[in-house]
Amino acid sequence: MLTTEVNLEKVYAEMKRVRLELKSIEHTLSDLADAMLPLEKMSPKEKKELHTIDKEMERGECVSLEAVKSKYGAKKRAKIPRNAIQ
């Protein structure tokens, strides 16, 4: 029984380490995406919406693709040149 408890503690410790690493990767990717995006002027309404989305993302909330399509009216897919995919 003691061995099982020790193993569970090791698994739990490893899960905590992986979660911290994942959070670090998520922050790095977010910073990278911010750095790659061109600077645009945003209205106060757009800034508020972006801030709301960031908070939802931090809480782990998600939205279905259908809800996004219906809200923003996306009907077509972007065409990506074949040479752009590597």
Protein backbone atom coordinates (compact mmCIF):
# COMPACT_ATOMS: atom_id res chain seq x y z
CA MET A 1 0.00 0.00 0.00
CA LEU A 2 2.87 2.38 0.78
CA THR A 3 4.30 1.80 -2.69
CA THR A 4 0.98 2.76 -4.29
CA GLU A 5 0.85 6.00 -2.27
CA VAL A 6 4.43 6.85 -3.23
CA ASN A 7 3.67 6.16 -6.90
CA LEU A 8 0.53 8.31 -6.76
CA GLU A 9 2.52 11.13 -5.20
CA LYS A 10 5.11 10.84 -7.98
CA VAL A 11 2.37 10.90 -10.64
CA TYR A 12 0.75 13.93 -9.01
CA ALA A 13 4.07 15.77 -8.81
CA GLU A 14 4.77 15.01 -12.47
CA MET A 15 1.29 16.23 -13.47
CA LYS A 16 1.88 19.49 -11.62
CA ARG A 17 5.22 19.91 -13.40
CA VAL A 18 3.65 19.22 -16.80
CA ARG A 19 0.84 21.72 -16.12
CA LEU A 20 3.35 24.42 -15.22
CA GLU A 21 5.36 23.67 -18.35
CA LEU A 22 2.21 23.78 -20.47
CA LYS A 23 1.22 27.12 -18.99
CA SER A 24 4.70 28.43 -19.79
CA ILE A 25 4.40 27.21 -23.38
CA GLU A 26 0.94 28.80 -23.71
CA HIS A 27 2.30 32.16 -22.49
CA THR A 28 5.25 31.92 -24.87
CA LEU A 29 2.98 31.16 -27.82
CA SER A 30 0.67 34.00 -26.87
CA ASP A 31 3.59 36.43 -26.66
CA LEU A 32 4.92 35.17 -29.99
CA ALA A 33 1.53 35.61 -31.65
CA ASP A 34 1.29 39.14 -30.25
CA ALA A 35 4.75 39.96 -31.57
CA MET A 36 3.95 38.61 -35.04
CA LEU A 37 0.67 40.44 -35.47
CA PRO A 38 0.85 43.80 -37.20
CA LEU A 39 -0.02 46.80 -35.07
CA GLU A 40 -3.56 47.99 -35.68
CA LYS A 41 -5.62 50.77 -34.21
CA MET A 42 -8.51 49.41 -32.19
CA SER A 43 -11.65 51.08 -31.01
CA PRO A 44 -12.43 51.00 -27.28
CA LYS A 45 -15.16 48.43 -28.06
CA GLU A 46 -12.65 46.17 -29.82
CA LYS A 47 -10.16 46.52 -26.95
CA LYS A 48 -12.86 45.57 -24.45
CA GLU A 49 -13.87 42.54 -26.53
CA LEU A 50 -10.25 41.40 -26.85
CA HIS A 51 -9.74 41.80 -23.09
CA THR A 52 -12.89 39.74 -22.47
CA ILE A 53 -11.64 37.01 -24.81
CA ASP A 54 -8.25 36.93 -23.04
CA LYS A 55 -9.96 36.49 -19.66
CA GLU A 56 -12.16 33.69 -21.03
CA MET A 57 -9.09 31.97 -22.43
CA GLU A 58 -7.27 32.24 -19.09
CA ARG A 59 -10.26 30.61 -17.37
CA GLY A 60 -10.21 27.80 -19.96
CA GLU A 61 -13.56 28.67 -21.48
CA CYS A 62 -14.20 27.79 -25.09
CA VAL A 63 -16.73 28.49 -27.82
CA SER A 64 -17.87 26.18 -30.59
CA LEU A 65 -16.81 26.90 -34.14
CA GLU A 66 -20.48 27.17 -35.13
CA ALA A 67 -21.05 29.94 -32.56
CA VAL A 68 -18.07 31.88 -33.90
CA LYS A 69 -19.26 31.46 -37.48
CA SER A 70 -22.76 32.65 -36.62
CA LYS A 71 -21.49 35.64 -34.63
CA TYR A 72 -18.91 36.81 -37.15
CA GLY A 73 -20.52 35.53 -40.33
CA ALA A 74 -17.54 33.53 -41.61
CA LYS A 75 -18.67 31.68 -44.69
CA LYS A 76 -15.55 30.94 -46.70
CA ARG A 77 -12.22 29.40 -45.87
CA ALA A 78 -9.03 31.29 -46.52
CA LYS A 79 -7.07 29.98 -49.47
CA ILE A 80 -3.51 29.12 -48.56
CA PRO A 81 -0.96 28.74 -51.35
CA ARG A 82 0.45 25.21 -51.52
CA ASN A 83 4.02 26.47 -51.17
CA ALA A 84 3.10 28.15 -47.86
CA ILE A 85 2.55 24.77 -46.19
CA GLN A 86 5.79 23.14 -45.21
